Amino acid sequence: MEYPVKTVCVVGLGYIGLPTAATLASRGIDVVGVDINPRVVEAVNAGRCYFAEPDLDMLLRAATTLGKLRAADHPEPADAFVIAVPTPFHEDRSPNLDYIDLAADAIAPVLVSGNVVILESTSPVGTTKRLAARLARGRPDLRFPPARHSEPLDVHVAHCPERVLPGRMVRELIENDRIIGGITEACAEHAEAVYRVFLQGQAFRTDASTAESLNSLRMPRAMSISLSPTSFPWSAISLTSMCGRSSNSPTAIHASRSCSRDLVWVAIA
C-alpha cells in the first residue's frame, strides 16, 4: 500500500536530524527543521552546516536555495514527523527522556489524522509506546496506538534507530539497511514509506520494542530479547535477518531463533 509523503517536520537538527532533513529535502520533500537553538536555526536557514561533515554542506545549500528546507523554532503541520532529539543520562545513569517529552508536547497541537510520528532518538525499551501515550493525552480527539483492534488509527507511531558514522553520514543514511519498529504493523508500514523516499538499503519491519532493544547490540556481551509470538510473529524473522548487516560495525553478530519462536539469542563476538 502506498502512503504518499510530501511534507516532513524534523524535530531536532543535530548530528542525525540535520542530515536526515537535508537528505529528505534533496529528494523533493518539503522539510521544516525544528530546533530550540536560535543559532542552529539561523545557520540552517543560511544554508550553513554548523558542524563538519563531508557532502552535508553542499546538500544543505542546495536544499535551502531551492526552498525545500527551512528551519524554525516550532513545529508546523506535516505528513510525517521525525523526532531526533538528545537522550542524555541522569546522574544515576538512567535515561533522561525530557527532550522526547518536550518534542511530543510541541508536535501534538499540529497533528492531524493520517500523520506518522517516527522516533529516531536512542531510547530504552518502552519509549515509543510512552511517546504515543503522551501524544494521546495531548490530543484526545485522535486515535493513537495501541487502539482497539477494530478501530483504525489516526496517527501511526514508530521507532527507527539510527547509526551513522561521522564523515559518512549522508552516504550511510541512504545506503545502510534500516530497522523500522512500529507499535503496530501498520505503524511500521507508514514509517517505512517515509524512508523509502531516499533509502537504497533494505528496510526490515519489526515491532517498536525490538527496534529499541537493538540499541543495545553494540554492547560486548551476549543477550536475549523476548518477543511476543502472538502479537508480532514477524519480529523474530526481522531481527535475525538484520543482525550482522550493519555496514559500519566491525563486530561479528550471530543470532539464532529458538524453537518456541518467542526468544532470540544474540551473541556479539
C-alpha atoms as a PDB file:
ATOM      1  CA  MET A   1       0.000   0.000   0.000  1.00  0.00           C
ATOM      2  CA  GLU A   2       1.270   3.477  -0.858  1.00  0.00           C
ATOM      3  CA  TYR A   3       1.384   6.247   1.752  1.00  0.00           C
ATOM      4  CA  PRO A   4       2.327   9.477  -0.034  1.00  0.00           C
ATOM      5  CA  VAL A   5       4.735  11.731   1.865  1.00  0.00           C
ATOM      6  CA  LYS A   6       5.077  15.313   0.645  1.00  0.00           C
ATOM      7  CA  THR A   7       5.988  17.206   3.818  1.00  0.00           C
ATOM      8  CA  VAL A   8       8.130  16.252   6.823  1.00  0.00           C
ATOM      9  CA  CYS A   9       8.842  18.052  10.082  1.00  0.00           C
ATOM     10  CA  VAL A  10      12.160  17.047  11.694  1.00  0.00           C
ATOM     11  CA  VAL A  11      12.371  17.943  15.382  1.00  0.00           C
ATOM     12  CA  GLY A  12      15.996  18.314  16.474  1.00  0.00           C
ATOM     13  CA  LEU A  13      18.641  19.496  13.986  1.00  0.00           C
ATOM     14  CA  GLY A  14      21.644  17.741  15.489  1.00  0.00           C
ATOM     15  CA  TYR A  15      24.043  15.160  14.078  1.00  0.00           C
ATOM     16  CA  ILE A  16      21.152  12.900  12.999  1.00  0.00           C
ATOM     17  CA  GLY A  17      18.284  15.317  12.473  1.00  0.00           C
ATOM     18  CA  LEU A  18      20.060  17.764  10.166  1.00  0.00           C
ATOM     19  CA  PRO A  19      21.447  15.158   7.710  1.00  0.00           C
ATOM     20  CA  THR A  20      18.032  13.461   7.704  1.00  0.00           C
ATOM     21  CA  ALA A  21      16.261  16.747   6.964  1.00  0.00           C
ATOM     22  CA  ALA A  22      18.697  17.666   4.184  1.00  0.00           C
ATOM     23  CA  THR A  23      18.518  14.206   2.625  1.00  0.00           C
ATOM     24  CA  LEU A  24      14.712  14.248   2.575  1.00  0.00           C
ATOM     25  CA  ALA A  25      14.755  17.746   1.070  1.00  0.00           C
ATOM     26  CA  SER A  26      17.204  16.628  -1.623  1.00  0.00           C
ATOM     27  CA  ARG A  27      14.543  14.154  -2.786  1.00  0.00           C
ATOM     28  CA  GLY A  28      11.951  16.880  -3.289  1.00  0.00           C
ATOM     29  CA  ILE A  29      10.222  16.673   0.096  1.00  0.00           C
ATOM     30  CA  ASP A  30       9.238  19.977   1.709  1.00  0.00           C
ATOM     31  CA  VAL A  31      11.002  19.862   5.076  1.00  0.00           C
ATOM     32  CA  VAL A  32      10.742  22.042   8.150  1.00  0.00           C
ATOM     33  CA  GLY A  33      13.542  21.505  10.646  1.00  0.00           C
ATOM     34  CA  VAL A  34      12.842  22.488  14.233  1.00  0.00           C
ATOM     35  CA  ASP A  35      15.424  23.420  16.850  1.00  0.00           C
ATOM     36  CA  ILE A  36      15.292  25.415  20.074  1.00  0.00           C
ATOM     37  CA  ASN A  37      18.767  26.847  19.467  1.00  0.00           C
ATOM     38  CA  PRO A  38      18.381  30.130  17.523  1.00  0.00           C
ATOM     39  CA  ARG A  39      21.962  29.867  16.216  1.00  0.00           C
ATOM     40  CA  VAL A  40      21.183  26.489  14.650  1.00  0.00           C
ATOM     41  CA  VAL A  41      18.005  27.858  13.076  1.00  0.00           C
ATOM     42  CA  GLU A  42      19.919  30.862  11.690  1.00  0.00           C
ATOM     43  CA  ALA A  43      22.736  28.688  10.310  1.00  0.00           C
ATOM     44  CA  VAL A  44      20.410  26.225   8.598  1.00  0.00           C
ATOM     45  CA  ASN A  45      18.316  28.969   7.011  1.00  0.00           C
ATOM     46  CA  ALA A  46      21.551  30.469   5.692  1.00  0.00           C
ATOM     47  CA  GLY A  47      22.468  27.103   4.172  1.00  0.00           C
ATOM     48  CA  ARG A  48      25.392  26.578   6.543  1.00  0.00           C
ATOM     49  CA  CYS A  49      26.203  23.379   8.382  1.00  0.00           C
ATOM     50  CA  TYR A  50      27.366  24.206  11.908  1.00  0.00           C
ATOM     51  CA  PHE A  51      29.445  21.030  12.236  1.00  0.00           C
ATOM     52  CA  ALA A  52      31.955  19.436   9.884  1.00  0.00           C
ATOM     53  CA  GLU A  53      30.501  16.693   7.707  1.00  0.00           C
ATOM     54  CA  PRO A  54      31.509  15.876   4.105  1.00  0.00           C
ATOM     55  CA  ASP A  55      28.757  16.394   1.499  1.00  0.00           C
ATOM     56  CA  LEU A  56      26.298  17.831   4.026  1.00  0.00           C
ATOM     57  CA  ASP A  57      27.232  21.462   3.343  1.00  0.00           C
ATOM     58  CA  MET A  58      26.544  21.034  -0.372  1.00  0.00           C
ATOM     59  CA  LEU A  59      23.284  19.175   0.298  1.00  0.00           C
ATOM     60  CA  LEU A  60      22.167  21.814   2.791  1.00  0.00           C
ATOM     61  CA  ARG A  61      22.953  24.749   0.492  1.00  0.00           C
ATOM     62  CA  ALA A  62      21.059  23.177  -2.383  1.00  0.00           C
ATOM     63  CA  ALA A  63      18.033  22.332  -0.226  1.00  0.00           C
ATOM     64  CA  THR A  64      17.735  25.817   1.260  1.00  0.00           C
ATOM     65  CA  THR A  65      18.391  27.560  -2.058  1.00  0.00           C
ATOM     66  CA  LEU A  66      15.597  25.583  -3.695  1.00  0.00           C
ATOM     67  CA  GLY A  67      13.283  26.310  -0.782  1.00  0.00           C
ATOM     68  CA  LYS A  68      12.883  22.645   0.124  1.00  0.00           C
ATOM     69  CA  LEU A  69      14.346  23.017   3.625  1.00  0.00           C
ATOM     70  CA  ARG A  70      13.913  25.746   6.173  1.00  0.00           C
ATOM     71  CA  ALA A  71      14.379  25.890   9.912  1.00  0.00           C
ATOM     72  CA  ALA A  72      12.057  27.197  12.633  1.00  0.00           C
ATOM     73  CA  ASP A  73      11.792  27.209  16.405  1.00  0.00           C
ATOM     74  CA  HIS A  74       8.411  25.462  16.482  1.00  0.00           C
ATOM     75  CA  PRO A  75       6.799  22.528  14.633  1.00  0.00           C
ATOM     76  CA  GLU A  76       4.454  23.036  11.706  1.00  0.00           C
ATOM     77  CA  PRO A  77       1.834  20.725  10.159  1.00  0.00           C
ATOM     78  CA  ALA A  78       3.308  17.956   8.005  1.00  0.00           C
ATOM     79  CA  ASP A  79       2.582  14.457   6.719  1.00  0.00           C
ATOM     80  CA  ALA A  80       5.322  12.948   8.886  1.00  0.00           C
ATOM     81  CA  PHE A  81       7.241  13.959  11.996  1.00  0.00           C
ATOM     82  CA  VAL A  82      10.749  12.707  12.782  1.00  0.00           C
ATOM     83  CA  ILE A  83      11.939  13.210  16.364  1.00  0.00           C
ATOM     84  CA  ALA A  84      15.747  13.255  16.607  1.00  0.00           C
ATOM     85  CA  VAL A  85      16.418  14.935  19.940  1.00  0.00           C
ATOM     86  CA  PRO A  86      19.137  14.097  22.507  1.00  0.00           C
ATOM     87  CA  THR A  87      18.571  11.427  25.166  1.00  0.00           C
ATOM     88  CA  PRO A  88      21.275  12.109  27.753  1.00  0.00           C
ATOM     89  CA  PHE A  89      21.667  10.348  31.100  1.00  0.00           C
ATOM     90  CA  HIS A  90      20.754  11.481  34.580  1.00  0.00           C
ATOM     91  CA  GLU A  91      23.443  11.408  37.256  1.00  0.00           C
ATOM     92  CA  ASP A  92      22.308   7.906  38.234  1.00  0.00           C
ATOM     93  CA  ARG A  93      22.809   6.792  34.596  1.00  0.00           C
ATOM     94  CA  SER A  94      19.071   6.399  33.971  1.00  0.00           C
ATOM     95  CA  PRO A  95      17.928   7.771  30.593  1.00  0.00           C
ATOM     96  CA  ASN A  96      16.664  11.333  30.504  1.00  0.00           C
ATOM     97  CA  LEU A  97      13.628  11.436  28.217  1.00  0.00           C
ATOM     98  CA  ASP A  98      12.740  15.063  28.879  1.00  0.00           C
ATOM     99  CA  TYR A  99      13.615  16.185  25.339  1.00  0.00           C
ATOM    100  CA  ILE A 100      11.364  13.499  23.855  1.00  0.00           C
ATOM    101  CA  ASP A 101       8.542  14.666  26.121  1.00  0.00           C
ATOM    102  CA  LEU A 102       9.086  18.271  25.041  1.00  0.00           C
ATOM    103  CA  ALA A 103       9.082  17.237  21.379  1.00  0.00           C
ATOM    104  CA  ALA A 104       5.827  15.311  21.874  1.00  0.00           C
ATOM    105  CA  ASP A 105       4.183  18.295  23.548  1.00  0.00           C
ATOM    106  CA  ALA A 106       5.379  20.575  20.737  1.00  0.00           C
ATOM    107  CA  ILE A 107       4.059  18.498  17.835  1.00  0.00           C
ATOM    108  CA  ALA A 108       0.778  17.399  19.455  1.00  0.00           C
ATOM    109  CA  PRO A 109      -1.147  20.605  18.590  1.00  0.00           C
ATOM    110  CA  VAL A 110      -0.341  20.334  14.863  1.00  0.00           C
ATOM    111  CA  LEU A 111      -1.072  16.624  14.386  1.00  0.00           C
ATOM    112  CA  VAL A 112      -3.914  15.584  12.084  1.00  0.00           C
ATOM    113  CA  SER A 113      -5.406  12.278  11.023  1.00  0.00           C
ATOM    114  CA  GLY A 114      -3.099  10.458   8.614  1.00  0.00           C
ATOM    115  CA  ASN A 115       0.160  11.566  10.248  1.00  0.00           C
ATOM    116  CA  VAL A 116       3.057   9.297  11.203  1.00  0.00           C
ATOM    117  CA  VAL A 117       5.445  10.097  14.061  1.00  0.00           C
ATOM    118  CA  ILE A 118       8.891   8.455  13.999  1.00  0.00           C
ATOM    119  CA  LEU A 119      11.221   8.440  16.998  1.00  0.00           C
ATOM    120  CA  GLU A 120      14.872   8.223  15.930  1.00  0.00           C
ATOM    121  CA  SER A 121      16.416   9.164  19.265  1.00  0.00           C
ATOM    122  CA  THR A 122      18.304   6.336  21.014  1.00  0.00           C
ATOM    123  CA  SER A 123      15.768   5.145  23.551  1.00  0.00           C
ATOM    124  CA  PRO A 124      15.219   2.389  26.117  1.00  0.00           C
ATOM    125  CA  VAL A 125      12.554  -0.242  25.529  1.00  0.00           C
ATOM    126  CA  GLY A 126       9.075   1.169  26.030  1.00  0.00           C
ATOM    127  CA  THR A 127       9.864   4.742  24.994  1.00  0.00           C
ATOM    128  CA  THR A 128       7.918   4.620  21.721  1.00  0.00           C
ATOM    129  CA  LYS A 129       4.762   3.453  23.489  1.00  0.00           C
ATOM    130  CA  ARG A 130       5.371   6.110  26.120  1.00  0.00           C
ATOM    131  CA  LEU A 131       5.602   8.698  23.338  1.00  0.00           C
ATOM    132  CA  ALA A 132       2.317   7.510  21.817  1.00  0.00           C
ATOM    133  CA  ALA A 133       0.605   7.684  25.213  1.00  0.00           C
ATOM    134  CA  ARG A 134       1.828  11.237  25.776  1.00  0.00           C
ATOM    135  CA  LEU A 135       0.621  12.310  22.333  1.00  0.00           C
ATOM    136  CA  ALA A 136      -2.745  10.690  23.039  1.00  0.00           C
ATOM    137  CA  ARG A 137      -3.102  12.667  26.270  1.00  0.00           C
ATOM    138  CA  GLY A 138      -2.365  15.852  24.378  1.00  0.00           C
ATOM    139  CA  ARG A 139      -4.771  15.045  21.542  1.00  0.00           C
ATOM    140  CA  PRO A 140      -7.727  13.042  22.875  1.00  0.00           C
ATOM    141  CA  ASP A 141      -9.562  13.788  19.623  1.00  0.00           C
ATOM    142  CA  LEU A 142      -7.200  11.496  17.665  1.00  0.00           C
ATOM    143  CA  ARG A 143      -6.660   7.718  17.857  1.00  0.00           C
ATOM    144  CA  PHE A 144      -3.105   6.600  18.636  1.00  0.00           C
ATOM    145  CA  PRO A 145      -1.663   3.109  19.061  1.00  0.00           C
ATOM    146  CA  PRO A 146      -2.493   0.904  20.762  1.00  0.00           C
ATOM    147  CA  ALA A 147      -6.168   1.186  19.855  1.00  0.00           C
ATOM    148  CA  ARG A 148      -8.995  -1.290  19.836  1.00  0.00           C
ATOM    149  CA  HIS A 149      -8.490  -3.906  17.133  1.00  0.00           C
ATOM    150  CA  SER A 150     -11.499  -2.712  15.133  1.00  0.00           C
ATOM    151  CA  GLU A 151     -10.549   0.954  15.273  1.00  0.00           C
ATOM    152  CA  PRO A 152      -8.340   2.465  12.578  1.00  0.00           C
ATOM    153  CA  LEU A 153      -5.551   4.709  13.814  1.00  0.00           C
ATOM    154  CA  ASP A 154      -5.435   8.424  13.114  1.00  0.00           C
ATOM    155  CA  VAL A 155      -1.738   8.769  13.910  1.00  0.00           C
ATOM    156  CA  HIS A 156       0.835   5.998  13.491  1.00  0.00           C
ATOM    157  CA  VAL A 157       3.907   5.865  15.753  1.00  0.00           C
ATOM    158  CA  ALA A 158       7.188   4.003  15.166  1.00  0.00           C
ATOM    159  CA  HIS A 159      10.834   3.823  16.224  1.00  0.00           C
ATOM    160  CA  CYS A 160      13.746   3.754  13.788  1.00  0.00           C
ATOM    161  CA  PRO A 161      17.155   3.529  15.471  1.00  0.00           C
ATOM    162  CA  GLU A 162      19.802   5.413  13.540  1.00  0.00           C
ATOM    163  CA  ARG A 163      23.518   4.668  13.482  1.00  0.00           C
ATOM    164  CA  VAL A 164      25.784   6.537  11.104  1.00  0.00           C
ATOM    165  CA  LEU A 165      29.481   7.295  11.288  1.00  0.00           C
ATOM    166  CA  PRO A 166      30.781  10.885  11.277  1.00  0.00           C
ATOM    167  CA  GLY A 167      32.367  11.557   7.914  1.00  0.00           C
ATOM    168  CA  ARG A 168      29.953   9.183   6.166  1.00  0.00           C
ATOM    169  CA  MET A 169      26.583  10.386   7.454  1.00  0.00           C
ATOM    170  CA  VAL A 170      24.889  11.292   4.190  1.00  0.00           C
ATOM    171  CA  ARG A 171      26.097   8.177   2.393  1.00  0.00           C
ATOM    172  CA  GLU A 172      25.135   5.853   5.233  1.00  0.00           C
ATOM    173  CA  LEU A 173      21.705   7.437   5.682  1.00  0.00           C
ATOM    174  CA  ILE A 174      20.976   6.439   2.113  1.00  0.00           C
ATOM    175  CA  GLU A 175      22.819   3.128   1.794  1.00  0.00           C
ATOM    176  CA  ASN A 176      22.545   1.482   5.220  1.00  0.00           C
ATOM    177  CA  ASP A 177      19.800  -1.032   5.924  1.00  0.00           C
ATOM    178  CA  ARG A 178      17.108   0.162   8.321  1.00  0.00           C
ATOM    179  CA  ILE A 179      15.167  -1.387  11.153  1.00  0.00           C
ATOM    180  CA  ILE A 180      11.706   0.142  11.420  1.00  0.00           C
ATOM    181  CA  GLY A 181       9.743  -0.770  14.534  1.00  0.00           C
ATOM    182  CA  GLY A 182       6.061   0.068  14.646  1.00  0.00           C
ATOM    183  CA  ILE A 183       3.781  -0.148  17.658  1.00  0.00           C
ATOM    184  CA  THR A 184       1.540  -1.955  15.176  1.00  0.00           C
ATOM    185  CA  GLU A 185       2.435  -3.450  11.815  1.00  0.00           C
ATOM    186  CA  ALA A 186       0.528  -0.637  10.106  1.00  0.00           C
ATOM    187  CA  CYS A 187       2.683   1.863  12.027  1.00  0.00           C
ATOM    188  CA  ALA A 188       5.817   0.207  10.629  1.00  0.00           C
ATOM    189  CA  GLU A 189       4.397   0.343   7.101  1.00  0.00           C
ATOM    190  CA  HIS A 190       3.620   4.055   7.361  1.00  0.00           C
ATOM    191  CA  ALA A 191       7.091   4.802   8.761  1.00  0.00           C
ATOM    192  CA  GLU A 192       8.780   2.803   6.016  1.00  0.00           C
ATOM    193  CA  ALA A 193       7.069   4.998   3.421  1.00  0.00           C
ATOM    194  CA  VAL A 194       8.982   7.996   4.807  1.00  0.00           C
ATOM    195  CA  TYR A 195      12.380   6.304   4.465  1.00  0.00           C
ATOM    196  CA  ARG A 196      11.578   4.890   1.041  1.00  0.00           C
ATOM    197  CA  VAL A 197      11.848   8.464  -0.213  1.00  0.00           C
ATOM    198  CA  PHE A 198      15.657   8.106  -0.132  1.00  0.00           C
ATOM    199  CA  LEU A 199      16.569   4.661   1.205  1.00  0.00           C
ATOM    200  CA  GLN A 200      18.630   2.399  -1.072  1.00  0.00           C
ATOM    201  CA  GLY A 201      19.309  -0.267   1.562  1.00  0.00           C
ATOM    202  CA  GLN A 202      16.787  -2.805   2.781  1.00  0.00           C
ATOM    203  CA  ALA A 203      14.050  -1.969   5.286  1.00  0.00           C
ATOM    204  CA  PHE A 204      13.331  -4.540   7.985  1.00  0.00           C
ATOM    205  CA  ARG A 205       9.971  -4.042   9.694  1.00  0.00           C
ATOM    206  CA  THR A 206       9.535  -5.205  13.265  1.00  0.00           C
ATOM    207  CA  ASP A 207       7.802  -4.061  16.457  1.00  0.00           C
ATOM    208  CA  ALA A 208       8.892  -0.976  18.376  1.00  0.00           C
ATOM    209  CA  SER A 209      10.221  -2.865  21.410  1.00  0.00           C
ATOM    210  CA  THR A 210      12.524  -4.995  19.266  1.00  0.00           C
ATOM    211  CA  ALA A 211      13.819  -1.923  17.428  1.00  0.00           C
ATOM    212  CA  GLU A 212      14.513  -0.249  20.775  1.00  0.00           C
ATOM    213  CA  SER A 213      16.282  -3.401  22.017  1.00  0.00           C
ATOM    214  CA  LEU A 214      18.693  -3.212  19.094  1.00  0.00           C
ATOM    215  CA  ASN A 215      20.120  -0.008  20.561  1.00  0.00           C
ATOM    216  CA  SER A 216      21.963  -2.365  22.940  1.00  0.00           C
ATOM    217  CA  LEU A 217      23.597  -4.511  20.248  1.00  0.00           C
ATOM    218  CA  ARG A 218      26.873  -2.618  20.450  1.00  0.00           C
ATOM    219  CA  MET A 219      27.439  -3.870  23.991  1.00  0.00           C
ATOM    220  CA  PRO A 220      30.181  -6.568  24.101  1.00  0.00           C
ATOM    221  CA  ARG A 221      28.138  -9.348  25.641  1.00  0.00           C
ATOM    222  CA  ALA A 222      25.544 -11.945  24.826  1.00  0.00           C
ATOM    223  CA  MET A 223      21.939 -11.041  25.415  1.00  0.00           C
ATOM    224  CA  SER A 224      18.450 -12.319  24.798  1.00  0.00           C
ATOM    225  CA  ILE A 225      15.446 -10.428  23.538  1.00  0.00           C
ATOM    226  CA  SER A 226      11.967 -11.689  24.355  1.00  0.00           C
ATOM    227  CA  LEU A 227       9.416 -11.397  21.590  1.00  0.00           C
ATOM    228  CA  SER A 228       5.707 -11.989  21.621  1.00  0.00           C
ATOM    229  CA  PRO A 229       4.827 -14.787  19.165  1.00  0.00           C
ATOM    230  CA  THR A 230       1.174 -13.816  19.213  1.00  0.00           C
ATOM    231  CA  SER A 231       1.193 -10.079  18.621  1.00  0.00           C
ATOM    232  CA  PHE A 232       4.182  -9.741  16.278  1.00  0.00           C
ATOM    233  CA  PRO A 233       5.238 -13.139  14.876  1.00  0.00           C
ATOM    234  CA  TRP A 234       7.272 -11.348  12.221  1.00  0.00           C
ATOM    235  CA  SER A 235       9.571  -9.724  14.796  1.00  0.00           C
ATOM    236  CA  ALA A 236      11.947 -12.646  15.229  1.00  0.00           C
ATOM    237  CA  ILE A 237      12.349 -13.077  11.492  1.00  0.00           C
ATOM    238  CA  SER A 238      13.148  -9.391  11.053  1.00  0.00           C
ATOM    239  CA  LEU A 239      15.647  -9.384  13.903  1.00  0.00           C
ATOM    240  CA  THR A 240      17.564 -12.447  12.775  1.00  0.00           C
ATOM    241  CA  SER A 241      17.609 -11.126   9.218  1.00  0.00           C
ATOM    242  CA  MET A 242      19.022  -7.790  10.310  1.00  0.00           C
ATOM    243  CA  CYS A 243      21.727  -8.991  12.690  1.00  0.00           C
ATOM    244  CA  GLY A 244      25.180  -8.669  11.210  1.00  0.00           C
ATOM    245  CA  ARG A 245      24.087  -6.378   8.363  1.00  0.00           C
ATOM    246  CA  SER A 246      25.334  -3.072   9.767  1.00  0.00           C
ATOM    247  CA  SER A 247      27.838  -1.634   7.321  1.00  0.00           C
ATOM    248  CA  ASN A 248      29.560   0.482   9.963  1.00  0.00           C
ATOM    249  CA  SER A 249      30.278  -2.121  12.624  1.00  0.00           C
ATOM    250  CA  PRO A 250      33.323  -4.432  12.653  1.00  0.00           C
ATOM    251  CA  THR A 251      31.628  -6.607  15.239  1.00  0.00           C
ATOM    252  CA  ALA A 252      30.510 -10.077  14.252  1.00  0.00           C
ATOM    253  CA  ILE A 253      26.899 -10.657  15.244  1.00  0.00           C
ATOM    254  CA  HIS A 254      25.293 -14.065  15.279  1.00  0.00           C
ATOM    255  CA  ALA A 255      21.644 -14.785  16.001  1.00  0.00           C
ATOM    256  CA  SER A 256      19.507 -17.866  16.306  1.00  0.00           C
ATOM    257  CA  ARG A 257      15.797 -18.250  16.903  1.00  0.00           C
ATOM    258  CA  SER A 258      14.539 -20.754  19.434  1.00  0.00           C
ATOM    259  CA  CYS A 259      12.038 -23.465  18.536  1.00  0.00           C
ATOM    260  CA  SER A 260       9.318 -21.727  20.534  1.00  0.00           C
ATOM    261  CA  ARG A 261       9.648 -18.655  18.280  1.00  0.00           C
ATOM    262  CA  ASP A 262       9.408 -16.322  21.262  1.00  0.00           C
ATOM    263  CA  LEU A 263      13.079 -15.857  22.111  1.00  0.00           C
ATOM    264  CA  VAL A 264      16.018 -14.661  20.072  1.00  0.00           C
ATOM    265  CA  TRP A 265      19.568 -15.088  21.334  1.00  0.00           C
ATOM    266  CA  VAL A 266      22.033 -12.535  20.040  1.00  0.00           C
ATOM    267  CA  ALA A 267      25.702 -13.255  20.652  1.00  0.00           C
ATOM    268  CA  ILE A 268      28.175 -10.490  19.929  1.00  0.00           C
ATOM    269  CA  ALA A 269      31.713 -11.706  19.404  1.00  0.00           C
END
